[in-house]
Structures are given as C-alpha cells and as structure tokens.
Amino acid sequence: MIRLMIVVYGNRNEKKTVLARKANMNYDTCVQYLKYLETIYFVKKNNENNHEIFEMTANGIKFCKKTLSDEFEENNST
C-alpha cells in the first residue's frame, strides 16, 4: 500500500490501470487498496471523460511526509 501511495502522489490525476502498472501491482489489488485509501481520505476519486482519476489528498500527503519520510523522499527524488 505504501508503494501505491507513493505512486499516487508522484502521478497526480491518473487512472487505476496506470497506477497499478506504475506500482507494479495486480489491478484488482490496486483497486481494493484505492477504495480503502479513499475511505480513510488519503486519496480522492474524480471523474474525467468517463474515467475514474485518483489523486492524493492533503491528509494523504501529510501522512506520507510524516510517517513514510524516508521511503517517500527516496522514491520521489528520481
């Protein structure tokens, strides 16, 4: 889930398929994680051109920077 959060943060406004691929994650698992992250207000879903687009919320960004600082900074520096 951490890997997915980092990918969502680094790839704002992406579709589920793209996020799953970039996180190197099974699509169905990615969808389950996105639903969970949405329920705890770490990501939000928008609809654009009949596609579900996901982006990190302020709460998700705050969590990543505070709790996952080492992994978060390392993966977003490239």
N, C-alpha and C. Protein backbone atom coordinates (compact mmCIF):
# COMPACT_ATOMS: atom_id res chain seq x y z
N MET A 1 0.82 -1.19 0.00
CA MET A 1 0.00 0.00 0.00
C MET A 1 0.87 1.25 0.00
N ILE A 2 2.01 1.17 0.66
CA ILE A 2 2.93 2.31 0.69
C ILE A 2 3.40 2.65 -0.72
N ARG A 3 3.75 1.62 -1.46
CA ARG A 3 4.20 1.82 -2.84
C ARG A 3 3.11 2.50 -3.66
N LEU A 4 1.87 2.09 -3.48
CA LEU A 4 0.76 2.70 -4.21
C LEU A 4 0.58 4.15 -3.81
N MET A 5 0.70 4.46 -2.53
CA MET A 5 0.56 5.85 -2.09
C MET A 5 1.63 6.74 -2.70
N ILE A 6 2.84 6.22 -2.77
CA ILE A 6 3.93 6.99 -3.37
C ILE A 6 3.66 7.22 -4.86
N VAL A 7 3.15 6.20 -5.53
CA VAL A 7 2.84 6.33 -6.96
C VAL A 7 1.70 7.33 -7.18
N VAL A 8 0.68 7.28 -6.35
CA VAL A 8 -0.44 8.22 -6.49
C VAL A 8 0.06 9.65 -6.29
N TYR A 9 0.90 9.84 -5.29
CA TYR A 9 1.43 11.18 -5.06
C TYR A 9 2.27 11.68 -6.24
N GLY A 10 3.11 10.82 -6.74
CA GLY A 10 4.01 11.22 -7.83
C GLY A 10 3.35 11.31 -9.19
N ASN A 11 2.17 10.71 -9.33
CA ASN A 11 1.47 10.69 -10.62
C ASN A 11 0.05 11.19 -10.43
N ARG A 12 -0.09 12.44 -10.15
CA ARG A 12 -1.40 13.01 -9.87
C ARG A 12 -2.34 12.83 -11.05
N ASN A 13 -3.60 12.61 -10.70
CA ASN A 13 -4.67 12.51 -11.70
C ASN A 13 -4.45 11.39 -12.71
N GLU A 14 -4.26 10.19 -12.21
CA GLU A 14 -4.06 9.02 -13.07
C GLU A 14 -5.20 8.03 -12.91
N LYS A 15 -5.40 7.22 -13.94
CA LYS A 15 -6.39 6.15 -13.90
C LYS A 15 -5.85 4.96 -13.11
N LYS A 16 -6.79 4.11 -12.68
CA LYS A 16 -6.43 2.93 -11.88
C LYS A 16 -5.43 2.04 -12.62
N THR A 17 -5.62 1.85 -13.90
CA THR A 17 -4.75 0.97 -14.68
C THR A 17 -3.31 1.48 -14.66
N VAL A 18 -3.15 2.76 -14.84
CA VAL A 18 -1.81 3.36 -14.86
C VAL A 18 -1.17 3.25 -13.48
N LEU A 19 -1.96 3.52 -12.44
CA LEU A 19 -1.43 3.44 -11.08
C LEU A 19 -1.00 2.02 -10.74
N ALA A 20 -1.81 1.03 -11.12
CA ALA A 20 -1.47 -0.37 -10.85
C ALA A 20 -0.17 -0.75 -11.56
N ARG A 21 -0.04 -0.33 -12.80
CA ARG A 21 1.16 -0.65 -13.57
C ARG A 21 2.39 0.02 -12.96
N LYS A 22 2.29 1.29 -12.63
CA LYS A 22 3.44 2.01 -12.09
C LYS A 22 3.82 1.52 -10.69
N ALA A 23 2.84 1.01 -9.93
CA ALA A 23 3.13 0.47 -8.60
C ALA A 23 3.54 -0.99 -8.67
N ASN A 24 3.56 -1.53 -9.90
CA ASN A 24 3.90 -2.95 -10.11
C ASN A 24 3.00 -3.83 -9.24
N MET A 25 1.69 -3.62 -9.41
CA MET A 25 0.70 -4.25 -8.56
C MET A 25 -0.41 -4.86 -9.41
N ASN A 26 -0.96 -5.96 -8.94
CA ASN A 26 -2.12 -6.57 -9.58
C ASN A 26 -3.25 -5.55 -9.61
N TYR A 27 -3.96 -5.46 -10.72
CA TYR A 27 -5.03 -4.46 -10.88
C TYR A 27 -6.08 -4.59 -9.79
N ASP A 28 -6.58 -5.79 -9.52
CA ASP A 28 -7.63 -5.98 -8.52
C ASP A 28 -7.16 -5.58 -7.13
N THR A 29 -5.94 -5.89 -6.80
CA THR A 29 -5.38 -5.49 -5.51
C THR A 29 -5.27 -3.97 -5.44
N CYS A 30 -4.84 -3.37 -6.51
CA CYS A 30 -4.73 -1.91 -6.58
C CYS A 30 -6.09 -1.25 -6.34
N VAL A 31 -7.12 -1.78 -6.98
CA VAL A 31 -8.47 -1.23 -6.81
C VAL A 31 -8.92 -1.35 -5.36
N GLN A 32 -8.66 -2.48 -4.73
CA GLN A 32 -9.03 -2.65 -3.32
C GLN A 32 -8.30 -1.65 -2.44
N TYR A 33 -7.01 -1.47 -2.67
CA TYR A 33 -6.24 -0.51 -1.89
C TYR A 33 -6.73 0.92 -2.12
N LEU A 34 -7.04 1.26 -3.36
CA LEU A 34 -7.54 2.60 -3.64
C LEU A 34 -8.87 2.85 -2.93
N LYS A 35 -9.74 1.85 -2.91
CA LYS A 35 -11.01 2.01 -2.19
C LYS A 35 -10.76 2.25 -0.71
N TYR A 36 -9.83 1.49 -0.13
CA TYR A 36 -9.51 1.67 1.28
C TYR A 36 -8.92 3.06 1.52
N LEU A 37 -7.95 3.45 0.70
CA LEU A 37 -7.33 4.76 0.86
C LEU A 37 -8.35 5.89 0.70
N GLU A 38 -9.35 5.65 -0.12
CA GLU A 38 -10.42 6.64 -0.30
C GLU A 38 -11.29 6.73 0.96
N THR A 39 -11.56 5.60 1.60
CA THR A 39 -12.40 5.61 2.80
C THR A 39 -11.71 6.29 3.98
N ILE A 40 -10.38 6.27 4.00
CA ILE A 40 -9.66 6.95 5.09
C ILE A 40 -9.17 8.33 4.64
N TYR A 41 -9.68 8.80 3.51
CA TYR A 41 -9.44 10.15 2.99
C TYR A 41 -7.97 10.44 2.68
N PHE A 42 -7.26 9.43 2.19
CA PHE A 42 -5.88 9.63 1.75
C PHE A 42 -5.81 9.86 0.24
N VAL A 43 -6.78 9.37 -0.50
CA VAL A 43 -6.89 9.65 -1.93
C VAL A 43 -8.33 10.05 -2.22
N LYS A 44 -8.49 10.77 -3.32
CA LYS A 44 -9.85 11.09 -3.75
C LYS A 44 -9.99 10.74 -5.22
N LYS A 45 -11.23 10.42 -5.56
CA LYS A 45 -11.55 9.98 -6.92
C LYS A 45 -12.32 11.09 -7.61
N ASN A 46 -11.92 11.39 -8.82
CA ASN A 46 -12.63 12.34 -9.67
C ASN A 46 -13.03 11.63 -10.95
N ASN A 47 -14.05 12.10 -11.59
CA ASN A 47 -14.47 11.54 -12.88
C ASN A 47 -14.15 12.53 -13.99
N GLU A 48 -13.32 12.10 -14.92
CA GLU A 48 -12.95 12.91 -16.07
C GLU A 48 -13.11 12.07 -17.33
N ASN A 49 -13.90 12.54 -18.25
CA ASN A 49 -14.10 11.84 -19.52
C ASN A 49 -14.48 10.38 -19.31
N ASN A 50 -15.41 10.13 -18.40
CA ASN A 50 -15.90 8.79 -18.09
C ASN A 50 -14.82 7.86 -17.53
N HIS A 51 -13.78 8.41 -16.94
CA HIS A 51 -12.72 7.63 -16.29
C HIS A 51 -12.60 8.07 -14.85
N GLU A 52 -12.32 7.10 -13.97
CA GLU A 52 -12.05 7.42 -12.58
C GLU A 52 -10.58 7.80 -12.45
N ILE A 53 -10.34 9.00 -11.98
CA ILE A 53 -9.00 9.54 -11.84
C ILE A 53 -8.73 9.72 -10.35
N PHE A 54 -7.55 9.32 -9.89
CA PHE A 54 -7.23 9.39 -8.47
C PHE A 54 -6.09 10.37 -8.21
N GLU A 55 -6.19 11.02 -7.06
CA GLU A 55 -5.13 11.91 -6.61
C GLU A 55 -5.03 11.87 -5.09
N MET A 56 -3.88 12.21 -4.58
CA MET A 56 -3.63 12.20 -3.15
C MET A 56 -4.30 13.42 -2.52
N THR A 57 -4.90 13.23 -1.36
CA THR A 57 -5.49 14.35 -0.61
C THR A 57 -4.41 14.99 0.28
N ALA A 58 -4.76 16.10 0.88
CA ALA A 58 -3.84 16.75 1.81
C ALA A 58 -3.51 15.82 2.97
N ASN A 59 -4.50 15.06 3.45
CA ASN A 59 -4.26 14.11 4.53
C ASN A 59 -3.27 13.02 4.11
N GLY A 60 -3.42 12.53 2.89
CA GLY A 60 -2.50 11.50 2.38
C GLY A 60 -1.08 12.02 2.24
N ILE A 61 -0.96 13.23 1.75
CA ILE A 61 0.37 13.83 1.60
C ILE A 61 1.01 14.04 2.96
N LYS A 62 0.23 14.53 3.89
CA LYS A 62 0.73 14.77 5.26
C LYS A 62 1.20 13.45 5.88
N PHE A 63 0.41 12.39 5.72
CA PHE A 63 0.78 11.08 6.25
C PHE A 63 2.09 10.60 5.65
N CYS A 64 2.20 10.70 4.32
CA CYS A 64 3.42 10.24 3.64
C CYS A 64 4.64 11.00 4.12
N LYS A 65 4.53 12.31 4.20
CA LYS A 65 5.68 13.11 4.60
C LYS A 65 6.07 12.88 6.04
N LYS A 66 5.08 12.65 6.91
CA LYS A 66 5.38 12.47 8.33
C LYS A 66 5.81 11.04 8.66
N THR A 67 5.04 10.07 8.21
CA THR A 67 5.24 8.69 8.61
C THR A 67 6.20 7.93 7.71
N LEU A 68 6.18 8.23 6.45
CA LEU A 68 6.97 7.48 5.49
C LEU A 68 8.09 8.33 4.91
N SER A 69 8.62 9.24 5.67
CA SER A 69 9.54 10.24 5.13
C SER A 69 10.71 9.66 4.35
N ASP A 70 11.34 8.60 4.85
CA ASP A 70 12.49 8.04 4.14
C ASP A 70 12.10 7.44 2.80
N GLU A 71 11.10 6.57 2.80
CA GLU A 71 10.66 5.93 1.54
C GLU A 71 10.06 6.96 0.59
N PHE A 72 9.30 7.89 1.16
CA PHE A 72 8.61 8.89 0.36
C PHE A 72 9.60 9.79 -0.37
N GLU A 73 10.57 10.30 0.34
CA GLU A 73 11.55 11.19 -0.28
C GLU A 73 12.44 10.45 -1.27
N GLU A 74 12.83 9.22 -0.93
CA GLU A 74 13.70 8.43 -1.80
C GLU A 74 13.01 8.13 -3.13
N ASN A 75 11.74 7.74 -3.09
CA ASN A 75 11.02 7.37 -4.30
C ASN A 75 10.56 8.57 -5.12
N ASN A 76 10.47 9.73 -4.54
CA ASN A 76 10.04 10.92 -5.27
C ASN A 76 11.19 11.79 -5.71
N SER A 77 12.41 11.40 -5.39
CA SER A 77 13.56 12.19 -5.80
C SER A 77 14.05 11.82 -7.19
N THR A 78 13.55 10.72 -7.74
CA THR A 78 14.00 10.29 -9.07
C THR A 78 13.17 10.87 -10.17
